[in-house]
Amino acid sequence: MSYVVAFARFWWDFVVGDDWRTAVMVVAAIGATALAARGDVSAWWVMPAAVAGVLYLSLRRATGR
């Protein structure tokens, strides 16, 4: 059982890492891309815009501004 726990902890640390907010924003961006792709909207622009937004918010939070 300890192998299963170690495996789960590895993936939690790998995905969430130091900032759970960034992980939540990435999951939201993937969901927004999926919703846009399901509709009649061209979805190619959603993920690059989300990456820029998540990076901006992450850097802003890290620098304290």
PDB file of N, CA and C in Angstrom:
ATOM      1  N   MET A   1       0.814  -1.195   0.000  1.00  0.00           N
ATOM      2  CA  MET A   1       0.000   0.000   0.000  1.00  0.00           C
ATOM      3  C   MET A   1       0.859   1.260   0.000  1.00  0.00           C
ATOM      4  N   SER A   2       2.039   1.185   0.569  1.00  0.00           N
ATOM      5  CA  SER A   2       2.884   2.376   0.610  1.00  0.00           C
ATOM      6  C   SER A   2       3.341   2.798  -0.782  1.00  0.00           C
ATOM      7  N   TYR A   3       3.420   1.845  -1.725  1.00  0.00           N
ATOM      8  CA  TYR A   3       3.763   2.209  -3.094  1.00  0.00           C
ATOM      9  C   TYR A   3       2.653   3.039  -3.735  1.00  0.00           C
ATOM     10  N   VAL A   4       1.428   2.692  -3.438  1.00  0.00           N
ATOM     11  CA  VAL A   4       0.296   3.438  -3.980  1.00  0.00           C
ATOM     12  C   VAL A   4       0.277   4.852  -3.414  1.00  0.00           C
ATOM     13  N   VAL A   5       0.511   4.966  -2.127  1.00  0.00           N
ATOM     14  CA  VAL A   5       0.543   6.290  -1.483  1.00  0.00           C
ATOM     15  C   VAL A   5       1.701   7.110  -2.039  1.00  0.00           C
ATOM     16  N   ALA A   6       2.853   6.517  -2.204  1.00  0.00           N
ATOM     17  CA  ALA A   6       4.008   7.232  -2.754  1.00  0.00           C
ATOM     18  C   ALA A   6       3.740   7.669  -4.192  1.00  0.00           C
ATOM     19  N   PHE A   7       3.084   6.820  -4.957  1.00  0.00           N
ATOM     20  CA  PHE A   7       2.749   7.157  -6.338  1.00  0.00           C
ATOM     21  C   PHE A   7       1.776   8.335  -6.382  1.00  0.00           C
ATOM     22  N   ALA A   8       0.761   8.294  -5.526  1.00  0.00           N
ATOM     23  CA  ALA A   8      -0.219   9.386  -5.476  1.00  0.00           C
ATOM     24  C   ALA A   8       0.436  10.686  -5.012  1.00  0.00           C
ATOM     25  N   ARG A   9       1.307  10.611  -4.023  1.00  0.00           N
ATOM     26  CA  ARG A   9       1.992  11.827  -3.556  1.00  0.00           C
ATOM     27  C   ARG A   9       2.906  12.408  -4.621  1.00  0.00           C
ATOM     28  N   PHE A  10       3.565  11.537  -5.387  1.00  0.00           N
ATOM     29  CA  PHE A  10       4.414  12.023  -6.479  1.00  0.00           C
ATOM     30  C   PHE A  10       3.575  12.816  -7.477  1.00  0.00           C
ATOM     31  N   TRP A  11       2.453  12.253  -7.908  1.00  0.00           N
ATOM     32  CA  TRP A  11       1.636  12.932  -8.909  1.00  0.00           C
ATOM     33  C   TRP A  11       1.014  14.208  -8.356  1.00  0.00           C
ATOM     34  N   TRP A  12       0.630  14.207  -7.095  1.00  0.00           N
ATOM     35  CA  TRP A  12       0.102  15.427  -6.478  1.00  0.00           C
ATOM     36  C   TRP A  12       1.172  16.513  -6.479  1.00  0.00           C
ATOM     37  N   ASP A  13       2.391  16.150  -6.083  1.00  0.00           N
ATOM     38  CA  ASP A  13       3.482  17.128  -6.053  1.00  0.00           C
ATOM     39  C   ASP A  13       3.855  17.577  -7.461  1.00  0.00           C
ATOM     40  N   PHE A  14       3.799  16.671  -8.426  1.00  0.00           N
ATOM     41  CA  PHE A  14       4.147  17.004  -9.800  1.00  0.00           C
ATOM     42  C   PHE A  14       3.124  17.939 -10.419  1.00  0.00           C
ATOM     43  N   VAL A  15       1.851  17.681 -10.221  1.00  0.00           N
ATOM     44  CA  VAL A  15       0.801  18.478 -10.848  1.00  0.00           C
ATOM     45  C   VAL A  15       0.565  19.779 -10.087  1.00  0.00           C
ATOM     46  N   VAL A  16       0.401  19.689  -8.791  1.00  0.00           N
ATOM     47  CA  VAL A  16       0.086  20.875  -8.003  1.00  0.00           C
ATOM     48  C   VAL A  16       1.347  21.665  -7.683  1.00  0.00           C
ATOM     49  N   GLY A  17       2.395  20.986  -7.277  1.00  0.00           N
ATOM     50  CA  GLY A  17       3.661  21.653  -7.004  1.00  0.00           C
ATOM     51  C   GLY A  17       3.561  22.626  -5.849  1.00  0.00           C
ATOM     52  N   ASP A  18       4.134  23.791  -6.030  1.00  0.00           N
ATOM     53  CA  ASP A  18       4.176  24.791  -4.970  1.00  0.00           C
ATOM     54  C   ASP A  18       2.934  25.663  -4.908  1.00  0.00           C
ATOM     55  N   ASP A  19       2.219  25.775  -6.008  1.00  0.00           N
ATOM     56  CA  ASP A  19       1.110  26.720  -6.062  1.00  0.00           C
ATOM     57  C   ASP A  19      -0.152  26.033  -6.569  1.00  0.00           C
ATOM     58  N   TRP A  20      -1.092  25.786  -5.695  1.00  0.00           N
ATOM     59  CA  TRP A  20      -2.327  25.107  -6.079  1.00  0.00           C
ATOM     60  C   TRP A  20      -3.200  26.001  -6.953  1.00  0.00           C
ATOM     61  N   ARG A  21      -3.041  27.326  -6.812  1.00  0.00           N
ATOM     62  CA  ARG A  21      -3.857  28.235  -7.620  1.00  0.00           C
ATOM     63  C   ARG A  21      -3.522  28.108  -9.108  1.00  0.00           C
ATOM     64  N   THR A  22      -2.247  27.965  -9.411  1.00  0.00           N
ATOM     65  CA  THR A  22      -1.836  27.797 -10.800  1.00  0.00           C
ATOM     66  C   THR A  22      -2.386  26.494 -11.359  1.00  0.00           C
ATOM     67  N   ALA A  23      -2.355  25.431 -10.573  1.00  0.00           N
ATOM     68  CA  ALA A  23      -2.910  24.149 -11.019  1.00  0.00           C
ATOM     69  C   ALA A  23      -4.402  24.268 -11.304  1.00  0.00           C
ATOM     70  N   VAL A  24      -5.125  24.996 -10.473  1.00  0.00           N
ATOM     71  CA  VAL A  24      -6.561  25.186 -10.683  1.00  0.00           C
ATOM     72  C   VAL A  24      -6.800  25.995 -11.952  1.00  0.00           C
ATOM     73  N   MET A  25      -5.992  27.024 -12.175  1.00  0.00           N
ATOM     74  CA  MET A  25      -6.160  27.840 -13.386  1.00  0.00           C
ATOM     75  C   MET A  25      -5.851  27.032 -14.644  1.00  0.00           C
ATOM     76  N   VAL A  26      -4.882  26.145 -14.583  1.00  0.00           N
ATOM     77  CA  VAL A  26      -4.557  25.306 -15.743  1.00  0.00           C
ATOM     78  C   VAL A  26      -5.709  24.350 -16.039  1.00  0.00           C
ATOM     79  N   VAL A  27      -6.275  23.748 -15.000  1.00  0.00           N
ATOM     80  CA  VAL A  27      -7.425  22.863 -15.201  1.00  0.00           C
ATOM     81  C   VAL A  27      -8.605  23.650 -15.775  1.00  0.00           C
ATOM     82  N   ALA A  28      -8.817  24.858 -15.299  1.00  0.00           N
ATOM     83  CA  ALA A  28      -9.890  25.699 -15.835  1.00  0.00           C
ATOM     84  C   ALA A  28      -9.628  26.057 -17.298  1.00  0.00           C
ATOM     85  N   ALA A  29      -8.370  26.305 -17.645  1.00  0.00           N
ATOM     86  CA  ALA A  29      -8.026  26.627 -19.033  1.00  0.00           C
ATOM     87  C   ALA A  29      -8.265  25.427 -19.947  1.00  0.00           C
ATOM     88  N   ILE A  30      -7.936  24.238 -19.474  1.00  0.00           N
ATOM     89  CA  ILE A  30      -8.198  23.038 -20.270  1.00  0.00           C
ATOM     90  C   ILE A  30      -9.700  22.848 -20.445  1.00  0.00           C
ATOM     91  N   GLY A  31     -10.473  23.092 -19.382  1.00  0.00           N
ATOM     92  CA  GLY A  31     -11.921  22.994 -19.486  1.00  0.00           C
ATOM     93  C   GLY A  31     -12.501  24.027 -20.440  1.00  0.00           C
ATOM     94  N   ALA A  32     -11.984  25.250 -20.383  1.00  0.00           N
ATOM     95  CA  ALA A  32     -12.461  26.298 -21.297  1.00  0.00           C
ATOM     96  C   ALA A  32     -12.137  25.959 -22.746  1.00  0.00           C
ATOM     97  N   THR A  33     -10.970  25.376 -22.973  1.00  0.00           N
ATOM     98  CA  THR A  33     -10.604  24.957 -24.324  1.00  0.00           C
ATOM     99  C   THR A  33     -11.531  23.859 -24.813  1.00  0.00           C
ATOM    100  N   ALA A  34     -11.852  22.913 -23.932  1.00  0.00           N
ATOM    101  CA  ALA A  34     -12.762  21.832 -24.313  1.00  0.00           C
ATOM    102  C   ALA A  34     -14.157  22.367 -24.624  1.00  0.00           C
ATOM    103  N   LEU A  35     -14.629  23.306 -23.824  1.00  0.00           N
ATOM    104  CA  LEU A  35     -15.944  23.888 -24.092  1.00  0.00           C
ATOM    105  C   LEU A  35     -15.965  24.675 -25.391  1.00  0.00           C
ATOM    106  N   ALA A  36     -14.895  25.405 -25.652  1.00  0.00           N
ATOM    107  CA  ALA A  36     -14.829  26.164 -26.904  1.00  0.00           C
ATOM    108  C   ALA A  36     -14.750  25.227 -28.104  1.00  0.00           C
ATOM    109  N   ALA A  37     -14.028  24.128 -27.962  1.00  0.00           N
ATOM    110  CA  ALA A  37     -13.919  23.167 -29.065  1.00  0.00           C
ATOM    111  C   ALA A  37     -15.244  22.456 -29.309  1.00  0.00           C
ATOM    112  N   ARG A  38     -16.025  22.267 -28.261  1.00  0.00           N
ATOM    113  CA  ARG A  38     -17.329  21.606 -28.407  1.00  0.00           C
ATOM    114  C   ARG A  38     -18.316  22.487 -29.151  1.00  0.00           C
ATOM    115  N   GLY A  39     -18.203  23.776 -28.941  1.00  0.00           N
ATOM    116  CA  GLY A  39     -19.108  24.712 -29.609  1.00  0.00           C
ATOM    117  C   GLY A  39     -18.623  25.028 -31.013  1.00  0.00           C
ATOM    118  N   ASP A  40     -19.193  26.048 -31.568  1.00  0.00           N
ATOM    119  CA  ASP A  40     -18.837  26.460 -32.927  1.00  0.00           C
ATOM    120  C   ASP A  40     -17.731  27.493 -32.955  1.00  0.00           C
ATOM    121  N   VAL A  41     -16.982  27.612 -31.861  1.00  0.00           N
ATOM    122  CA  VAL A  41     -15.920  28.600 -31.748  1.00  0.00           C
ATOM    123  C   VAL A  41     -14.587  27.931 -32.063  1.00  0.00           C
ATOM    124  N   SER A  42     -13.734  28.629 -32.779  1.00  0.00           N
ATOM    125  CA  SER A  42     -12.385  28.136 -33.007  1.00  0.00           C
ATOM    126  C   SER A  42     -11.626  28.175 -31.685  1.00  0.00           C
ATOM    127  N   ALA A  43     -11.090  27.037 -31.248  1.00  0.00           N
ATOM    128  CA  ALA A  43     -10.543  26.921 -29.893  1.00  0.00           C
ATOM    129  C   ALA A  43      -9.035  27.086 -29.818  1.00  0.00           C
ATOM    130  N   TRP A  44      -8.360  27.339 -30.916  1.00  0.00           N
ATOM    131  CA  TRP A  44      -6.903  27.369 -30.899  1.00  0.00           C
ATOM    132  C   TRP A  44      -6.352  28.508 -30.036  1.00  0.00           C
ATOM    133  N   TRP A  45      -7.084  29.577 -29.881  1.00  0.00           N
ATOM    134  CA  TRP A  45      -6.598  30.772 -29.182  1.00  0.00           C
ATOM    135  C   TRP A  45      -6.789  30.705 -27.671  1.00  0.00           C
ATOM    136  N   VAL A  46      -7.591  29.774 -27.186  1.00  0.00           N
ATOM    137  CA  VAL A  46      -7.922  29.752 -25.764  1.00  0.00           C
ATOM    138  C   VAL A  46      -6.700  29.412 -24.906  1.00  0.00           C
ATOM    139  N   MET A  47      -5.984  28.366 -25.257  1.00  0.00           N
ATOM    140  CA  MET A  47      -4.859  27.934 -24.425  1.00  0.00           C
ATOM    141  C   MET A  47      -3.698  28.940 -24.431  1.00  0.00           C
ATOM    142  N   PRO A  48      -3.283  29.510 -25.570  1.00  0.00           N
ATOM    143  CA  PRO A  48      -2.224  30.532 -25.492  1.00  0.00           C
ATOM    144  C   PRO A  48      -2.623  31.744 -24.646  1.00  0.00           C
ATOM    145  N   ALA A  49      -3.872  32.169 -24.747  1.00  0.00           N
ATOM    146  CA  ALA A  49      -4.328  33.288 -23.921  1.00  0.00           C
ATOM    147  C   ALA A  49      -4.335  32.901 -22.441  1.00  0.00           C
ATOM    148  N   ALA A  50      -4.740  31.678 -22.154  1.00  0.00           N
ATOM    149  CA  ALA A  50      -4.754  31.210 -20.766  1.00  0.00           C
ATOM    150  C   ALA A  50      -3.343  31.095 -20.205  1.00  0.00           C
ATOM    151  N   VAL A  51      -2.420  30.622 -21.002  1.00  0.00           N
ATOM    152  CA  VAL A  51      -1.021  30.514 -20.550  1.00  0.00           C
ATOM    153  C   VAL A  51      -0.467  31.892 -20.223  1.00  0.00           C
ATOM    154  N   ALA A  52      -0.736  32.856 -21.086  1.00  0.00           N
ATOM    155  CA  ALA A  52      -0.260  34.220 -20.823  1.00  0.00           C
ATOM    156  C   ALA A  52      -0.897  34.780 -19.550  1.00  0.00           C
ATOM    157  N   GLY A  53      -2.184  34.538 -19.364  1.00  0.00           N
ATOM    158  CA  GLY A  53      -2.861  35.030 -18.168  1.00  0.00           C
ATOM    159  C   GLY A  53      -2.379  34.356 -16.896  1.00  0.00           C
ATOM    160  N   VAL A  54      -2.213  33.038 -16.941  1.00  0.00           N
ATOM    161  CA  VAL A  54      -1.734  32.307 -15.759  1.00  0.00           C
ATOM    162  C   VAL A  54      -0.314  32.726 -15.418  1.00  0.00           C
ATOM    163  N   LEU A  55       0.530  32.894 -16.426  1.00  0.00           N
ATOM    164  CA  LEU A  55       1.906  33.337 -16.181  1.00  0.00           C
ATOM    165  C   LEU A  55       1.935  34.728 -15.572  1.00  0.00           C
ATOM    166  N   TYR A  56       1.115  35.620 -16.094  1.00  0.00           N
ATOM    167  CA  TYR A  56       1.047  36.982 -15.549  1.00  0.00           C
ATOM    168  C   TYR A  56       0.621  36.961 -14.082  1.00  0.00           C
ATOM    169  N   LEU A  57      -0.449  36.234 -13.786  1.00  0.00           N
ATOM    170  CA  LEU A  57      -0.938  36.185 -12.404  1.00  0.00           C
ATOM    171  C   LEU A  57       0.063  35.516 -11.468  1.00  0.00           C
ATOM    172  N   SER A  58       0.722  34.483 -11.945  1.00  0.00           N
ATOM    173  CA  SER A  58       1.705  33.792 -11.123  1.00  0.00           C
ATOM    174  C   SER A  58       2.910  34.684 -10.818  1.00  0.00           C
ATOM    175  N   LEU A  59       3.391  35.390 -11.824  1.00  0.00           N
ATOM    176  CA  LEU A  59       4.525  36.292 -11.607  1.00  0.00           C
ATOM    177  C   LEU A  59       4.138  37.481 -10.744  1.00  0.00           C
ATOM    178  N   ARG A  60       2.932  37.971 -10.934  1.00  0.00           N
ATOM    179  CA  ARG A  60       2.467  39.092 -10.113  1.00  0.00           C
ATOM    180  C   ARG A  60       2.379  38.678  -8.640  1.00  0.00           C
ATOM    181  N   ARG A  61       1.882  37.475  -8.391  1.00  0.00           N
ATOM    182  CA  ARG A  61       1.770  36.984  -7.025  1.00  0.00           C
ATOM    183  C   ARG A  61       3.164  36.719  -6.432  1.00  0.00           C
ATOM    184  N   ALA A  62       4.104  36.239  -7.250  1.00  0.00           N
ATOM    185  CA  ALA A  62       5.451  35.936  -6.768  1.00  0.00           C
ATOM    186  C   ALA A  62       6.241  37.189  -6.422  1.00  0.00           C
ATOM    187  N   THR A  63       6.016  38.266  -7.189  1.00  0.00           N
ATOM    188  CA  THR A  63       6.772  39.501  -6.928  1.00  0.00           C
ATOM    189  C   THR A  63       6.100  40.376  -5.886  1.00  0.00           C
ATOM    190  N   GLY A  64       4.857  40.056  -5.531  1.00  0.00           N
ATOM    191  CA  GLY A  64       4.160  40.830  -4.514  1.00  0.00           C
ATOM    192  C   GLY A  64       3.569  42.118  -5.019  1.00  0.00           C
ATOM    193  N   ARG A  65       3.364  42.248  -6.289  1.00  0.00           N
ATOM    194  CA  ARG A  65       2.798  43.479  -6.862  1.00  0.00           C
ATOM    195  C   ARG A  65       1.373  43.308  -7.242  1.00  0.00           C
TER     196      ARG A  65
END
